[in-house]
Amino acid sequence: MAKESKKSHSRAHGMTQISISLPQRLVDKIDQLAEEAKRSRSNYIAYIVDIMPDAKTNSISFTGAAEAQEACKSR
């Protein structure tokens, strides 16, 4: 009997899938901001985390995704 292969979900090389739990109000906010930025939810979260300033070297407070995105635009 032939062994059935498992169906895999492919993603871009070098990408790792993670799972987190967030309050619905935050998911709604992320979805709204991602739509405005014409990005997927996943891509938007990765983008925001990537541009977040290092808390040890900057006095910029990460109070929300919109503020972080605006800070990035001025770079």
C-alpha atoms as a PDB file:
ATOM      1  CA  MET A   1       0.000   0.000   0.000  1.00  0.00           C
ATOM      2  CA  ALA A   2       1.382   3.393  -0.993  1.00  0.00           C
ATOM      3  CA  LYS A   3       2.057   5.874   1.766  1.00  0.00           C
ATOM      4  CA  GLU A   4      -0.094   8.987   1.468  1.00  0.00           C
ATOM      5  CA  SER A   5       1.839  12.219   1.582  1.00  0.00           C
ATOM      6  CA  LYS A   6       0.683  14.944   3.892  1.00  0.00           C
ATOM      7  CA  LYS A   7      -0.596  18.066   2.252  1.00  0.00           C
ATOM      8  CA  SER A   8       1.682  20.930   3.194  1.00  0.00           C
ATOM      9  CA  HIS A   9       1.000  24.603   3.195  1.00  0.00           C
ATOM     10  CA  SER A  10       3.785  26.288   1.342  1.00  0.00           C
ATOM     11  CA  ARG A  11       5.069  29.686   2.302  1.00  0.00           C
ATOM     12  CA  ALA A  12       7.942  31.787   1.097  1.00  0.00           C
ATOM     13  CA  HIS A  13      11.438  30.498   1.798  1.00  0.00           C
ATOM     14  CA  GLY A  14      12.697  31.681   5.164  1.00  0.00           C
ATOM     15  CA  MET A  15       9.245  32.366   6.587  1.00  0.00           C
ATOM     16  CA  THR A  16       8.009  30.820   9.836  1.00  0.00           C
ATOM     17  CA  GLN A  17       4.400  30.602  10.920  1.00  0.00           C
ATOM     18  CA  ILE A  18       3.577  31.550  14.520  1.00  0.00           C
ATOM     19  CA  SER A  19       0.338  31.682  16.452  1.00  0.00           C
ATOM     20  CA  ILE A  20      -0.611  34.340  18.997  1.00  0.00           C
ATOM     21  CA  SER A  21      -3.804  35.268  20.822  1.00  0.00           C
ATOM     22  CA  LEU A  22      -4.948  38.876  20.683  1.00  0.00           C
ATOM     23  CA  PRO A  23      -8.031  40.705  21.952  1.00  0.00           C
ATOM     24  CA  GLN A  24     -10.636  41.135  19.210  1.00  0.00           C
ATOM     25  CA  ARG A  25     -10.435  44.946  19.482  1.00  0.00           C
ATOM     26  CA  LEU A  26      -6.734  44.742  18.599  1.00  0.00           C
ATOM     27  CA  VAL A  27      -7.361  42.374  15.676  1.00  0.00           C
ATOM     28  CA  ASP A  28      -9.981  44.798  14.372  1.00  0.00           C
ATOM     29  CA  LYS A  29      -7.526  47.686  14.653  1.00  0.00           C
ATOM     30  CA  ILE A  30      -4.766  45.716  12.900  1.00  0.00           C
ATOM     31  CA  ASP A  31      -7.154  44.703  10.110  1.00  0.00           C
ATOM     32  CA  GLN A  32      -8.229  48.318   9.588  1.00  0.00           C
ATOM     33  CA  LEU A  33      -4.654  49.596   9.462  1.00  0.00           C
ATOM     34  CA  ALA A  34      -3.533  46.730   7.214  1.00  0.00           C
ATOM     35  CA  GLU A  35      -6.355  47.483   4.787  1.00  0.00           C
ATOM     36  CA  GLU A  36      -5.406  51.173   4.709  1.00  0.00           C
ATOM     37  CA  ALA A  37      -1.788  50.177   4.006  1.00  0.00           C
ATOM     38  CA  LYS A  38      -2.950  47.681   1.337  1.00  0.00           C
ATOM     39  CA  ARG A  39      -1.200  44.827   3.168  1.00  0.00           C
ATOM     40  CA  SER A  40      -2.341  41.472   4.500  1.00  0.00           C
ATOM     41  CA  ARG A  41      -2.762  41.155   8.260  1.00  0.00           C
ATOM     42  CA  SER A  42       0.340  38.954   8.504  1.00  0.00           C
ATOM     43  CA  ASN A  43       2.445  41.228   6.326  1.00  0.00           C
ATOM     44  CA  TYR A  44       1.319  44.310   8.237  1.00  0.00           C
ATOM     45  CA  ILE A  45       2.210  42.800  11.620  1.00  0.00           C
ATOM     46  CA  ALA A  46       5.636  41.753  10.326  1.00  0.00           C
ATOM     47  CA  TYR A  47       6.164  45.235   8.861  1.00  0.00           C
ATOM     48  CA  ILE A  48       5.256  47.010  12.104  1.00  0.00           C
ATOM     49  CA  VAL A  49       7.450  44.744  14.224  1.00  0.00           C
ATOM     50  CA  ASP A  50      10.336  45.267  11.801  1.00  0.00           C
ATOM     51  CA  ILE A  51      10.126  49.064  11.977  1.00  0.00           C
ATOM     52  CA  MET A  52       9.489  49.322  15.718  1.00  0.00           C
ATOM     53  CA  PRO A  53      12.209  51.416  17.276  1.00  0.00           C
ATOM     54  CA  ASP A  54      14.528  49.729  19.738  1.00  0.00           C
ATOM     55  CA  ALA A  55      13.139  50.678  23.169  1.00  0.00           C
ATOM     56  CA  LYS A  56      16.648  50.834  24.648  1.00  0.00           C
ATOM     57  CA  THR A  57      17.963  53.414  22.177  1.00  0.00           C
ATOM     58  CA  ASN A  58      14.907  55.510  21.356  1.00  0.00           C
ATOM     59  CA  SER A  59      12.480  57.477  23.437  1.00  0.00           C
ATOM     60  CA  ILE A  60       9.677  56.838  20.938  1.00  0.00           C
ATOM     61  CA  SER A  61       6.862  54.992  22.657  1.00  0.00           C
ATOM     62  CA  PHE A  62       5.064  52.307  20.672  1.00  0.00           C
ATOM     63  CA  THR A  63       1.504  53.349  21.442  1.00  0.00           C
ATOM     64  CA  GLY A  64      -0.056  52.004  18.282  1.00  0.00           C
ATOM     65  CA  ALA A  65       0.577  50.754  14.801  1.00  0.00           C
ATOM     66  CA  ALA A  66      -0.519  53.997  13.140  1.00  0.00           C
ATOM     67  CA  GLU A  67       2.020  56.030  15.106  1.00  0.00           C
ATOM     68  CA  ALA A  68       4.803  53.576  14.262  1.00  0.00           C
ATOM     69  CA  GLN A  69       3.894  53.693  10.615  1.00  0.00           C
ATOM     70  CA  GLU A  70       3.977  57.499  10.601  1.00  0.00           C
ATOM     71  CA  ALA A  71       7.367  57.473  12.321  1.00  0.00           C
ATOM     72  CA  CYS A  72       8.689  55.165   9.614  1.00  0.00           C
ATOM     73  CA  LYS A  73       7.465  57.438   6.834  1.00  0.00           C
ATOM     74  CA  SER A  74       9.576  60.318   8.190  1.00  0.00           C
ATOM     75  CA  ARG A  75      12.811  58.258   7.970  1.00  0.00           C
END
